[in-house]
Amino acid sequence: MRLNEKNIWRRIMMQKTKKNEAAKVTASRPLDMTETLVFIIVDYMLDHNGYGYSTQISEYVVSNYPRRYTSREVVGILRNRPMFCHAQSNERRAGKKWRLDLLGWDRYLKNSRNKDLPTKAESWKLPDKVVKLKMAHIEKTIEALEGLNPENLDGVYEAISSVWS
């Protein structure tokens, strides 16, 4: 009887050890290619005031990550991820203009099945860039509102619209 209890205890301890090792492996697992592409696009857009044209974004990704991504994959990510939205623009100099929805990005990180995404974003230093971009948007809005008067209403509205659209 005593030998049987030792075997059961040993089996339980080995199972716990295996679970702990599996948790360590999954915690340090690198991002898959799709999530890495999302992070690359977000990083690009954060470096360009939260905006980017589809042709420029795909050119950046394909030239900096050759043999890894195609421009069709980049456009597919832009179309199918909730944090990327069409921006209002009359210019079509390099495809459609895309805007990074910062609240959508936060929701994407929090609600993802991969619970390690926020830590990966930290390692890419994306939260710092998000804070800087939010501060810049609010600062531009305040500057536009300071010039508000009845004669300059359209100009103020245009300035605010260019920041938030």
C-alpha atoms as a PDB file:
ATOM      1  CA  MET A   1       0.000   0.000   0.000  1.00  0.00           C
ATOM      2  CA  ARG A   2       2.771   2.404   0.864  1.00  0.00           C
ATOM      3  CA  LEU A   3       4.498   1.843  -2.486  1.00  0.00           C
ATOM      4  CA  ASN A   4       1.263   2.581  -4.366  1.00  0.00           C
ATOM      5  CA  GLU A   5       0.855   5.909  -2.533  1.00  0.00           C
ATOM      6  CA  LYS A   6       4.402   6.921  -3.470  1.00  0.00           C
ATOM      7  CA  ASN A   7       3.744   6.134  -7.132  1.00  0.00           C
ATOM      8  CA  ILE A   8       0.553   8.186  -7.131  1.00  0.00           C
ATOM      9  CA  TRP A   9       2.315  11.101  -5.439  1.00  0.00           C
ATOM     10  CA  ARG A  10       5.222  10.866  -7.921  1.00  0.00           C
ATOM     11  CA  ARG A  11       2.801  10.811 -10.886  1.00  0.00           C
ATOM     12  CA  ILE A  12       0.933  13.884  -9.594  1.00  0.00           C
ATOM     13  CA  MET A  13       4.186  15.793  -9.059  1.00  0.00           C
ATOM     14  CA  MET A  14       5.429  14.916 -12.556  1.00  0.00           C
ATOM     15  CA  GLN A  15       2.138  16.119 -14.062  1.00  0.00           C
ATOM     16  CA  LYS A  16       2.435  19.431 -12.199  1.00  0.00           C
ATOM     17  CA  THR A  17       6.020  19.823 -13.395  1.00  0.00           C
ATOM     18  CA  LYS A  18       4.987  19.154 -16.992  1.00  0.00           C
ATOM     19  CA  LYS A  19       2.189  21.741 -16.738  1.00  0.00           C
ATOM     20  CA  ASN A  20       4.603  24.345 -15.360  1.00  0.00           C
ATOM     21  CA  GLU A  21       7.097  23.633 -18.148  1.00  0.00           C
ATOM     22  CA  ALA A  22       4.331  23.863 -20.755  1.00  0.00           C
ATOM     23  CA  ALA A  23       3.220  27.206 -19.312  1.00  0.00           C
ATOM     24  CA  LYS A  24       6.784  28.542 -19.544  1.00  0.00           C
ATOM     25  CA  VAL A  25       7.092  27.409 -23.159  1.00  0.00           C
ATOM     26  CA  THR A  26       3.816  29.040 -24.222  1.00  0.00           C
ATOM     27  CA  ALA A  27       4.638  32.270 -22.354  1.00  0.00           C
ATOM     28  CA  SER A  28       7.881  32.721 -24.243  1.00  0.00           C
ATOM     29  CA  ARG A  29       6.537  31.536 -27.584  1.00  0.00           C
ATOM     30  CA  PRO A  30       7.137  33.999 -30.428  1.00  0.00           C
ATOM     31  CA  LEU A  31       4.240  35.558 -32.302  1.00  0.00           C
ATOM     32  CA  ASP A  32       2.946  33.724 -35.325  1.00  0.00           C
ATOM     33  CA  MET A  33       3.466  35.296 -38.740  1.00  0.00           C
ATOM     34  CA  THR A  34       0.029  36.909 -38.936  1.00  0.00           C
ATOM     35  CA  GLU A  35       0.274  38.569 -35.536  1.00  0.00           C
ATOM     36  CA  THR A  36       3.818  39.678 -36.328  1.00  0.00           C
ATOM     37  CA  LEU A  37       2.527  41.299 -39.523  1.00  0.00           C
ATOM     38  CA  VAL A  38      -0.170  43.097 -37.516  1.00  0.00           C
ATOM     39  CA  PHE A  39       2.511  44.393 -35.134  1.00  0.00           C
ATOM     40  CA  ILE A  40       4.707  45.501 -38.058  1.00  0.00           C
ATOM     41  CA  ILE A  41       1.819  47.457 -39.617  1.00  0.00           C
ATOM     42  CA  VAL A  42       0.828  49.020 -36.286  1.00  0.00           C
ATOM     43  CA  ASP A  43       4.447  50.013 -35.637  1.00  0.00           C
ATOM     44  CA  TYR A  44       4.674  51.588 -39.111  1.00  0.00           C
ATOM     45  CA  MET A  45       1.454  53.533 -38.629  1.00  0.00           C
ATOM     46  CA  LEU A  46       2.473  54.739 -35.170  1.00  0.00           C
ATOM     47  CA  ASP A  47       5.683  56.078 -36.690  1.00  0.00           C
ATOM     48  CA  HIS A  48       3.621  57.911 -39.346  1.00  0.00           C
ATOM     49  CA  ASN A  49       1.075  59.749 -37.150  1.00  0.00           C
ATOM     50  CA  GLY A  50      -1.382  56.852 -37.134  1.00  0.00           C
ATOM     51  CA  TYR A  51      -1.907  56.900 -40.903  1.00  0.00           C
ATOM     52  CA  GLY A  52      -0.556  55.160 -43.951  1.00  0.00           C
ATOM     53  CA  TYR A  53      -1.389  54.495 -47.574  1.00  0.00           C
ATOM     54  CA  SER A  54      -1.826  50.847 -48.498  1.00  0.00           C
ATOM     55  CA  THR A  55       0.852  50.914 -51.199  1.00  0.00           C
ATOM     56  CA  GLN A  56       3.402  52.565 -48.907  1.00  0.00           C
ATOM     57  CA  ILE A  57       2.659  50.170 -46.050  1.00  0.00           C
ATOM     58  CA  SER A  58       2.949  47.082 -48.240  1.00  0.00           C
ATOM     59  CA  GLU A  59       6.107  48.448 -49.869  1.00  0.00           C
ATOM     60  CA  TYR A  60       7.642  48.983 -46.423  1.00  0.00           C
ATOM     61  CA  VAL A  61       6.717  45.482 -45.232  1.00  0.00           C
ATOM     62  CA  VAL A  62       7.780  43.674 -48.413  1.00  0.00           C
ATOM     63  CA  SER A  63      11.093  45.544 -48.659  1.00  0.00           C
ATOM     64  CA  ASN A  64      11.999  45.122 -44.972  1.00  0.00           C
ATOM     65  CA  TYR A  65      10.734  41.543 -44.635  1.00  0.00           C
ATOM     66  CA  PRO A  66      11.422  39.900 -48.023  1.00  0.00           C
ATOM     67  CA  ARG A  67      10.450  36.266 -48.527  1.00  0.00           C
ATOM     68  CA  ARG A  68       8.120  36.548 -45.587  1.00  0.00           C
ATOM     69  CA  TYR A  69       5.090  38.635 -46.554  1.00  0.00           C
ATOM     70  CA  THR A  70       3.375  39.662 -49.771  1.00  0.00           C
ATOM     71  CA  SER A  71       1.517  42.876 -50.470  1.00  0.00           C
ATOM     72  CA  ARG A  72      -1.733  40.885 -50.718  1.00  0.00           C
ATOM     73  CA  GLU A  73      -1.248  39.673 -47.152  1.00  0.00           C
ATOM     74  CA  VAL A  74      -0.656  43.251 -46.001  1.00  0.00           C
ATOM     75  CA  VAL A  75      -3.831  44.504 -47.671  1.00  0.00           C
ATOM     76  CA  GLY A  76      -5.735  41.513 -46.269  1.00  0.00           C
ATOM     77  CA  ILE A  77      -4.640  42.436 -42.745  1.00  0.00           C
ATOM     78  CA  LEU A  78      -5.624  46.072 -43.304  1.00  0.00           C
ATOM     79  CA  ARG A  79      -9.091  45.038 -44.486  1.00  0.00           C
ATOM     80  CA  ASN A  80      -9.794  42.351 -41.908  1.00  0.00           C
ATOM     81  CA  ARG A  81      -8.500  43.698 -38.615  1.00  0.00           C
ATOM     82  CA  PRO A  82     -10.813  45.947 -36.583  1.00  0.00           C
ATOM     83  CA  MET A  83      -8.138  48.480 -35.640  1.00  0.00           C
ATOM     84  CA  PHE A  84      -7.474  49.539 -39.245  1.00  0.00           C
ATOM     85  CA  CYS A  85     -10.069  51.907 -40.752  1.00  0.00           C
ATOM     86  CA  HIS A  86     -10.339  53.814 -44.003  1.00  0.00           C
ATOM     87  CA  ALA A  87      -9.395  57.439 -43.521  1.00  0.00           C
ATOM     88  CA  GLN A  88     -11.162  60.226 -45.324  1.00  0.00           C
ATOM     89  CA  SER A  89      -8.887  61.441 -48.052  1.00  0.00           C
ATOM     90  CA  ASN A  90      -9.236  62.860 -51.520  1.00  0.00           C
ATOM     91  CA  GLU A  91      -5.675  61.853 -52.313  1.00  0.00           C
ATOM     92  CA  ARG A  92      -5.045  58.474 -53.861  1.00  0.00           C
ATOM     93  CA  ARG A  93      -1.335  58.925 -54.325  1.00  0.00           C
ATOM     94  CA  ALA A  94      -0.460  55.511 -52.950  1.00  0.00           C
ATOM     95  CA  GLY A  95      -3.626  53.477 -52.645  1.00  0.00           C
ATOM     96  CA  LYS A  96      -6.247  53.955 -49.976  1.00  0.00           C
ATOM     97  CA  LYS A  97      -5.424  55.884 -46.841  1.00  0.00           C
ATOM     98  CA  TRP A  98      -5.697  53.843 -43.653  1.00  0.00           C
ATOM     99  CA  ARG A  99      -5.999  55.031 -40.071  1.00  0.00           C
ATOM    100  CA  LEU A 100      -5.015  53.189 -36.914  1.00  0.00           C
ATOM    101  CA  ASP A 101      -7.911  53.225 -34.462  1.00  0.00           C
ATOM    102  CA  LEU A 102      -6.080  53.414 -31.129  1.00  0.00           C
ATOM    103  CA  LEU A 103      -9.094  52.313 -29.093  1.00  0.00           C
ATOM    104  CA  GLY A 104      -9.566  49.397 -31.478  1.00  0.00           C
ATOM    105  CA  TRP A 105      -5.906  48.472 -30.998  1.00  0.00           C
ATOM    106  CA  ASP A 106      -6.360  48.457 -27.210  1.00  0.00           C
ATOM    107  CA  ARG A 107      -9.468  46.260 -27.528  1.00  0.00           C
ATOM    108  CA  TYR A 108      -7.590  43.952 -29.896  1.00  0.00           C
ATOM    109  CA  LEU A 109      -4.803  43.437 -27.371  1.00  0.00           C
ATOM    110  CA  LYS A 110      -7.174  42.903 -24.429  1.00  0.00           C
ATOM    111  CA  ASN A 111      -9.687  40.626 -26.157  1.00  0.00           C
ATOM    112  CA  SER A 112      -7.273  38.464 -28.123  1.00  0.00           C
ATOM    113  CA  ARG A 113      -7.207  34.718 -27.535  1.00  0.00           C
ATOM    114  CA  ASN A 114      -3.436  35.038 -27.252  1.00  0.00           C
ATOM    115  CA  LYS A 115      -3.126  36.499 -23.754  1.00  0.00           C
ATOM    116  CA  ASP A 116       0.566  37.172 -24.368  1.00  0.00           C
ATOM    117  CA  LEU A 117      -0.092  39.971 -26.900  1.00  0.00           C
ATOM    118  CA  PRO A 118       0.124  42.854 -24.392  1.00  0.00           C
ATOM    119  CA  THR A 119       3.569  41.679 -23.262  1.00  0.00           C
ATOM    120  CA  LYS A 120       4.663  41.323 -26.876  1.00  0.00           C
ATOM    121  CA  ALA A 121       3.426  44.863 -27.525  1.00  0.00           C
ATOM    122  CA  GLU A 122       5.512  46.029 -24.551  1.00  0.00           C
ATOM    123  CA  SER A 123       8.599  44.352 -26.012  1.00  0.00           C
ATOM    124  CA  TRP A 124       7.969  46.195 -29.319  1.00  0.00           C
ATOM    125  CA  LYS A 125       7.609  49.454 -27.285  1.00  0.00           C
ATOM    126  CA  LEU A 126       4.191  50.045 -28.881  1.00  0.00           C
ATOM    127  CA  PRO A 127       2.391  51.362 -25.747  1.00  0.00           C
ATOM    128  CA  ASP A 128       4.858  54.267 -25.521  1.00  0.00           C
ATOM    129  CA  LYS A 129       4.241  55.142 -29.162  1.00  0.00           C
ATOM    130  CA  VAL A 130       0.468  54.912 -28.620  1.00  0.00           C
ATOM    131  CA  VAL A 131       0.669  57.367 -25.707  1.00  0.00           C
ATOM    132  CA  LYS A 132       2.766  59.791 -27.787  1.00  0.00           C
ATOM    133  CA  LEU A 133       0.298  59.622 -30.673  1.00  0.00           C
ATOM    134  CA  LYS A 134      -2.704  60.162 -28.387  1.00  0.00           C
ATOM    135  CA  MET A 135      -1.001  63.173 -26.822  1.00  0.00           C
ATOM    136  CA  ALA A 136      -0.168  64.594 -30.263  1.00  0.00           C
ATOM    137  CA  HIS A 137      -3.785  64.201 -31.435  1.00  0.00           C
ATOM    138  CA  ILE A 138      -5.172  65.879 -28.329  1.00  0.00           C
ATOM    139  CA  GLU A 139      -2.586  68.662 -28.579  1.00  0.00           C
ATOM    140  CA  LYS A 140      -3.527  69.373 -32.229  1.00  0.00           C
ATOM    141  CA  THR A 141      -7.198  69.418 -31.270  1.00  0.00           C
ATOM    142  CA  ILE A 142      -6.603  71.901 -28.442  1.00  0.00           C
ATOM    143  CA  GLU A 143      -4.555  74.133 -30.756  1.00  0.00           C
ATOM    144  CA  ALA A 144      -7.371  74.093 -33.307  1.00  0.00           C
ATOM    145  CA  LEU A 145     -10.003  74.883 -30.662  1.00  0.00           C
ATOM    146  CA  GLU A 146      -7.982  77.805 -29.321  1.00  0.00           C
ATOM    147  CA  GLY A 147      -8.434  79.522 -32.678  1.00  0.00           C
ATOM    148  CA  LEU A 148     -12.208  79.046 -32.618  1.00  0.00           C
ATOM    149  CA  ASN A 149     -14.303  82.048 -33.566  1.00  0.00           C
ATOM    150  CA  PRO A 150     -17.364  82.511 -35.810  1.00  0.00           C
ATOM    151  CA  GLU A 151     -15.277  83.714 -38.771  1.00  0.00           C
ATOM    152  CA  ASN A 152     -12.856  80.770 -38.580  1.00  0.00           C
ATOM    153  CA  LEU A 153     -15.373  78.005 -37.879  1.00  0.00           C
ATOM    154  CA  ASP A 154     -14.754  76.072 -41.104  1.00  0.00           C
ATOM    155  CA  GLY A 155     -10.985  76.188 -40.661  1.00  0.00           C
ATOM    156  CA  VAL A 156     -11.202  74.894 -37.091  1.00  0.00           C
ATOM    157  CA  TYR A 157     -13.600  72.167 -38.139  1.00  0.00           C
ATOM    158  CA  GLU A 158     -11.267  71.153 -40.971  1.00  0.00           C
ATOM    159  CA  ALA A 159      -8.275  71.046 -38.614  1.00  0.00           C
ATOM    160  CA  ILE A 160     -10.125  68.866 -36.102  1.00  0.00           C
ATOM    161  CA  SER A 161     -11.492  66.661 -38.866  1.00  0.00           C
ATOM    162  CA  SER A 162      -8.014  66.102 -40.297  1.00  0.00           C
ATOM    163  CA  VAL A 163      -6.825  64.903 -36.884  1.00  0.00           C
ATOM    164  CA  TRP A 164      -9.711  62.592 -36.052  1.00  0.00           C
ATOM    165  CA  SER A 165     -10.941  61.300 -39.402  1.00  0.00           C
END
